[in-house]
N, C-alpha and C. Protein backbone atom coordinates (compact mmCIF):
# COMPACT_ATOMS: atom_id res chain seq x y z
N MET A 1 93.78 107.83 131.84
CA MET A 1 93.79 107.40 130.58
C MET A 1 93.71 105.99 130.12
N SER A 2 92.65 105.57 129.66
CA SER A 2 92.53 103.78 129.28
C SER A 2 93.67 103.54 128.24
N THR A 3 94.04 102.11 128.14
CA THR A 3 95.14 101.98 127.29
C THR A 3 94.36 102.08 125.95
N GLU A 4 93.02 101.68 125.53
CA GLU A 4 92.63 101.89 124.12
C GLU A 4 92.66 103.10 123.64
N LYS A 5 92.17 104.26 124.64
CA LYS A 5 92.24 105.47 124.33
C LYS A 5 93.63 106.03 123.96
N GLN A 6 94.58 105.61 124.62
CA GLN A 6 95.93 105.94 124.48
C GLN A 6 96.68 105.33 122.99
N VAL A 7 96.12 104.28 122.70
CA VAL A 7 96.39 103.60 121.54
C VAL A 7 95.63 104.26 120.14
N SER A 8 94.46 104.80 120.55
CA SER A 8 93.77 105.30 119.43
C SER A 8 94.33 106.58 119.09
N ILE A 9 94.82 107.41 120.16
CA ILE A 9 95.21 108.65 120.18
C ILE A 9 96.62 108.46 119.12
N ASN A 10 97.23 107.45 119.54
CA ASN A 10 98.99 107.37 119.12
C ASN A 10 98.59 107.00 117.38
N LYS A 11 97.82 106.17 117.18
CA LYS A 11 97.40 105.92 115.71
C LYS A 11 97.10 107.27 115.02
N VAL A 12 96.44 108.18 115.84
CA VAL A 12 95.83 109.38 115.08
C VAL A 12 97.31 110.28 114.91
N THR A 13 97.98 110.57 116.04
CA THR A 13 99.23 111.43 115.94
C THR A 13 100.43 110.75 115.12
N SER A 14 100.25 109.67 114.83
CA SER A 14 101.69 108.80 114.22
C SER A 14 101.53 109.43 112.86
N ARG A 15 100.24 109.87 112.18
CA ARG A 15 100.02 109.72 110.89
C ARG A 15 100.40 111.64 110.59
N ILE A 16 100.49 112.52 111.49
CA ILE A 16 100.82 113.87 111.50
C ILE A 16 102.01 113.80 111.10
N THR A 17 102.45 114.90 109.82
CA THR A 17 103.81 115.10 109.72
C THR A 17 104.47 116.21 110.35
N SER A 18 105.77 116.62 110.14
CA SER A 18 106.47 117.60 110.85
C SER A 18 105.90 119.09 110.51
N ASN A 19 105.16 119.18 109.37
CA ASN A 19 104.77 120.60 109.07
C ASN A 19 103.14 120.60 109.36
N GLY A 20 102.72 119.77 110.12
CA GLY A 20 101.44 119.74 110.69
C GLY A 20 100.43 119.15 109.72
N LEU A 21 100.84 118.60 108.52
CA LEU A 21 99.96 117.92 107.62
C LEU A 21 99.48 116.49 107.95
N PHE A 22 98.70 115.83 107.42
CA PHE A 22 98.44 114.52 107.53
C PHE A 22 98.93 113.39 106.75
N LYS A 23 99.50 112.42 106.96
CA LYS A 23 99.93 111.44 106.16
C LYS A 23 98.72 110.78 105.35
N GLY A 24 98.50 110.87 104.01
CA GLY A 24 97.19 110.35 103.44
C GLY A 24 97.64 109.78 101.89
N TYR A 25 96.75 110.10 101.07
CA TYR A 25 97.07 109.60 99.89
C TYR A 25 96.06 110.87 98.72
N ARG A 26 96.51 111.00 97.61
CA ARG A 26 96.23 111.95 96.60
C ARG A 26 96.12 111.04 95.08
N LEU A 27 95.47 111.51 94.34
CA LEU A 27 95.58 111.06 92.98
C LEU A 27 96.62 112.01 91.98
N GLN A 28 97.64 111.36 91.62
CA GLN A 28 98.23 112.10 90.28
C GLN A 28 97.85 111.97 89.28
N VAL A 29 97.16 112.71 88.49
CA VAL A 29 96.44 112.63 87.15
C VAL A 29 97.61 113.12 85.89
N MET A 30 98.67 113.90 86.49
CA MET A 30 99.45 114.02 85.33
C MET A 30 101.15 114.49 85.81
N ASN A 31 101.85 114.29 84.72
CA ASN A 31 103.40 114.77 85.13
C ASN A 31 103.81 115.11 84.01
N THR A 32 104.17 116.60 83.85
CA THR A 32 104.33 117.07 82.67
C THR A 32 105.41 118.30 82.53
N ARG A 33 106.26 118.60 81.68
CA ARG A 33 107.06 119.65 81.81
C ARG A 33 106.25 120.87 81.24
N SER A 34 104.82 120.90 80.64
CA SER A 34 104.55 121.86 80.38
C SER A 34 103.51 122.61 81.29
N ARG A 35 103.60 123.85 81.98
CA ARG A 35 102.93 124.67 83.07
C ARG A 35 101.49 124.90 82.27
N GLY A 36 101.47 124.92 81.03
CA GLY A 36 100.00 125.24 80.53
C GLY A 36 99.05 124.12 80.38
N ASP A 37 99.70 122.91 80.15
CA ASP A 37 98.96 121.61 80.13
C ASP A 37 98.59 121.32 81.79
N ALA A 38 99.51 121.39 82.87
CA ALA A 38 98.89 121.22 83.78
C ALA A 38 97.82 122.11 84.32
N PHE A 39 97.77 123.52 84.58
CA PHE A 39 96.67 124.46 84.45
C PHE A 39 95.49 124.20 83.74
N LYS A 40 95.77 123.46 82.47
CA LYS A 40 94.67 123.23 82.19
C LYS A 40 94.00 122.05 82.53
N ILE A 41 94.52 120.88 82.83
CA ILE A 41 93.78 119.92 83.32
C ILE A 41 93.30 120.04 84.79
N LYS A 42 94.09 121.20 85.40
CA LYS A 42 93.49 121.48 86.85
C LYS A 42 92.17 122.18 86.68
N ALA A 43 92.21 123.31 85.68
CA ALA A 43 90.87 123.72 85.26
C ALA A 43 89.77 122.76 84.74
N ASP A 44 90.04 121.88 84.30
CA ASP A 44 88.88 120.72 83.56
C ASP A 44 88.34 120.04 85.23
N LEU A 45 89.44 119.81 85.94
CA LEU A 45 89.30 118.92 87.01
C LEU A 45 88.21 119.69 87.93
N LEU A 46 88.58 121.09 88.44
CA LEU A 46 87.84 121.92 89.27
C LEU A 46 86.47 122.01 88.66
N GLU A 47 86.10 122.31 87.41
CA GLU A 47 85.03 122.11 86.55
C GLU A 47 84.20 120.74 86.81
N ASN A 48 84.69 119.77 86.54
CA ASN A 48 84.18 118.56 86.64
C ASN A 48 83.84 117.77 88.03
N PHE A 49 84.72 117.89 88.84
CA PHE A 49 84.64 117.63 89.97
C PHE A 49 85.09 118.74 91.07
N PRO A 50 84.09 119.59 91.27
CA PRO A 50 84.11 120.72 92.07
C PRO A 50 84.47 120.51 93.68
N SER A 51 84.13 119.28 94.30
CA SER A 51 84.09 118.99 95.53
C SER A 51 85.28 118.63 95.87
N GLU A 52 86.32 118.34 94.82
CA GLU A 52 87.61 117.78 95.19
C GLU A 52 88.69 119.16 95.12
N LYS A 53 89.66 119.19 95.91
CA LYS A 53 90.75 120.03 95.69
C LYS A 53 91.69 119.40 94.82
N VAL A 54 92.47 120.30 93.98
CA VAL A 54 93.48 120.28 92.89
C VAL A 54 94.79 120.91 93.18
N TYR A 55 95.80 120.13 93.00
CA TYR A 55 96.95 120.68 93.58
C TYR A 55 98.14 120.89 92.29
N ILE A 56 98.78 121.53 92.42
CA ILE A 56 99.87 121.80 90.94
C ILE A 56 101.32 121.72 91.95
N LEU A 57 102.18 120.56 91.65
CA LEU A 57 103.48 120.70 92.48
C LEU A 57 104.21 121.11 91.23
N TYR A 58 105.49 121.77 91.46
CA TYR A 58 106.47 121.72 90.68
C TYR A 58 107.77 121.47 91.19
N GLN A 59 108.19 120.29 90.42
CA GLN A 59 109.43 119.60 90.96
C GLN A 59 110.54 119.41 89.81
N SER A 60 111.23 120.48 89.65
CA SER A 60 111.97 120.83 88.34
C SER A 60 112.43 119.66 87.58
N PRO A 61 112.13 119.21 86.50
CA PRO A 61 111.44 120.52 85.58
C PRO A 61 109.97 120.01 85.45
N TYR A 62 109.47 118.99 86.34
CA TYR A 62 108.07 118.64 85.85
C TYR A 62 106.84 119.37 86.86
N PHE A 63 105.91 119.47 86.17
CA PHE A 63 104.30 119.82 86.94
C PHE A 63 103.81 118.80 87.08
N LYS A 64 103.47 118.43 88.52
CA LYS A 64 102.70 117.17 88.79
C LYS A 64 100.96 117.76 89.36
N VAL A 65 100.26 117.13 88.92
CA VAL A 65 98.96 117.59 89.22
C VAL A 65 98.31 116.40 89.96
N ARG A 66 97.71 116.75 91.22
CA ARG A 66 97.17 115.62 91.94
C ARG A 66 95.84 116.36 92.56
N VAL A 67 94.88 115.17 92.77
CA VAL A 67 93.79 115.42 93.29
C VAL A 67 93.44 114.98 94.76
N GLY A 68 92.54 115.66 95.60
CA GLY A 68 92.05 114.98 96.61
C GLY A 68 92.94 114.92 97.81
N ASN A 69 92.27 114.71 98.96
CA ASN A 69 93.05 114.27 100.25
C ASN A 69 92.36 113.26 100.97
N PHE A 70 92.79 112.17 100.75
CA PHE A 70 92.18 110.91 101.09
C PHE A 70 92.88 110.18 102.46
N VAL A 71 92.34 110.09 103.55
CA VAL A 71 92.84 109.45 104.60
C VAL A 71 93.04 107.90 104.35
N ASN A 72 92.03 107.59 103.65
CA ASN A 72 91.98 106.09 103.17
C ASN A 72 92.32 105.59 101.90
N ARG A 73 92.80 104.85 101.63
CA ARG A 73 93.42 104.20 100.19
C ARG A 73 92.33 103.95 99.40
N ASP A 74 91.32 103.30 100.07
CA ASP A 74 90.00 103.00 99.37
C ASP A 74 89.33 104.31 98.80
N ASP A 75 89.44 105.14 99.78
CA ASP A 75 88.53 106.49 99.19
C ASP A 75 89.26 107.09 97.89
N ALA A 76 90.41 107.22 98.02
CA ALA A 76 91.23 107.38 96.79
C ALA A 76 90.80 106.60 95.57
N ASP A 77 90.71 105.04 95.63
CA ASP A 77 90.62 104.31 94.75
C ASP A 77 89.01 104.50 94.20
N ASP A 78 88.22 104.85 95.14
CA ASP A 78 86.78 105.52 94.47
C ASP A 78 86.87 106.48 93.43
N LEU A 79 87.64 107.45 93.74
CA LEU A 79 87.80 108.83 92.94
C LEU A 79 88.41 108.33 91.56
N LYS A 80 89.60 107.30 91.81
CA LYS A 80 90.24 107.18 90.57
C LYS A 80 89.32 106.18 89.76
N LYS A 81 88.44 105.46 89.92
CA LYS A 81 87.51 104.88 89.35
C LYS A 81 86.61 106.14 88.37
N GLN A 82 86.33 106.82 88.97
CA GLN A 82 85.29 108.09 88.54
C GLN A 82 86.23 108.98 87.59
N LEU A 83 87.45 109.19 87.81
CA LEU A 83 88.62 109.82 87.02
C LEU A 83 88.88 108.99 85.79
N SER A 84 88.58 107.60 85.75
CA SER A 84 89.15 106.90 84.59
C SER A 84 88.38 107.18 83.37
N TYR A 85 86.81 107.73 83.80
CA TYR A 85 86.15 107.91 82.73
C TYR A 85 86.35 109.49 81.97
N PHE A 86 86.96 110.12 82.85
CA PHE A 86 87.09 111.40 82.25
C PHE A 86 88.61 111.83 81.93
N ILE A 87 89.64 110.95 82.27
CA ILE A 87 91.12 111.13 82.30
C ILE A 87 91.51 109.91 81.42
N LYS A 88 92.13 110.08 80.09
CA LYS A 88 92.51 108.99 79.27
C LYS A 88 93.69 108.41 79.53
N GLN A 89 94.77 109.32 80.39
CA GLN A 89 95.93 108.81 80.80
C GLN A 89 96.14 107.87 81.97
N PRO A 90 96.75 107.27 82.53
CA PRO A 90 96.86 106.77 83.84
C PRO A 90 96.82 107.30 84.98
N VAL A 91 96.16 107.03 85.94
CA VAL A 91 95.98 107.73 87.27
C VAL A 91 96.45 106.96 88.26
N TYR A 92 97.27 107.46 89.11
CA TYR A 92 98.24 106.90 90.08
C TYR A 92 97.85 107.38 91.37
N ILE A 93 97.42 106.49 92.41
CA ILE A 93 97.29 106.85 93.81
C ILE A 93 98.73 107.02 94.57
N VAL A 94 99.05 108.11 95.13
CA VAL A 94 100.01 108.24 95.60
C VAL A 94 100.25 108.79 97.20
N GLU A 95 101.19 108.61 97.85
CA GLU A 95 100.91 108.90 99.20
C GLU A 95 101.56 110.24 99.50
N ASP A 96 100.96 111.07 100.37
CA ASP A 96 101.26 112.50 100.29
C ASP A 96 100.58 113.07 101.59
N ALA A 97 101.22 114.48 101.96
CA ALA A 97 100.72 115.07 103.18
C ALA A 97 99.40 116.03 102.70
N ILE A 98 98.52 115.44 103.64
CA ILE A 98 97.38 115.97 102.91
C ILE A 98 96.58 117.05 103.86
N GLU A 99 95.64 117.75 103.57
CA GLU A 99 94.84 118.60 104.62
C GLU A 99 93.86 118.17 105.27
N TYR A 100 93.98 117.69 106.49
CA TYR A 100 92.84 116.70 107.26
C TYR A 100 93.16 117.18 108.40
N ILE A 101 91.65 117.36 109.15
CA ILE A 101 91.97 117.43 110.44
C ILE A 101 91.37 116.49 111.16
N PRO A 102 91.60 115.41 112.12
CA PRO A 102 90.92 114.41 112.86
C PRO A 102 89.59 115.10 113.65
N SER A 103 88.69 114.21 113.55
CA SER A 103 87.60 114.56 114.30
C SER A 103 87.86 113.99 115.75
N ALA A 104 87.00 114.55 116.85
CA ALA A 104 87.30 114.30 118.11
C ALA A 104 86.88 112.75 118.46
N ASP A 105 86.00 112.18 117.30
CA ASP A 105 85.43 110.76 117.51
C ASP A 105 86.76 109.80 117.49
N GLU A 106 87.69 110.38 116.51
CA GLU A 106 88.99 109.41 116.29
C GLU A 106 89.83 109.47 117.39
N PHE A 107 89.56 110.00 118.37
CA PHE A 107 90.25 109.82 119.84
C PHE A 107 89.44 109.10 120.80
N GLN A 108 88.68 108.72 120.44
CA GLN A 108 87.70 107.88 121.36
C GLN A 108 88.27 106.33 121.38
């Protein structure tokens, strides 16, 4: 195996977490104590951004609403700009374990 190929494999595998997810980014659009508010914004996001996945995390006593699975911070920033027209509160890019399967090309 060539050194370049091994370096490429190491870069990809170093981003895999212990639970098999990939280290990446999501957008946090809400942090609230209200379960109802969290599920309302989730429904609104799914309606207006159907191609994006929306997640609700519960970290007592807060419900956090996060959007997307981004490998690159720049991609997360692109959606953040789109969301700024839809959501009037601050949206944050946060590091998170994302759902992502590296393609075979990434190991070349």
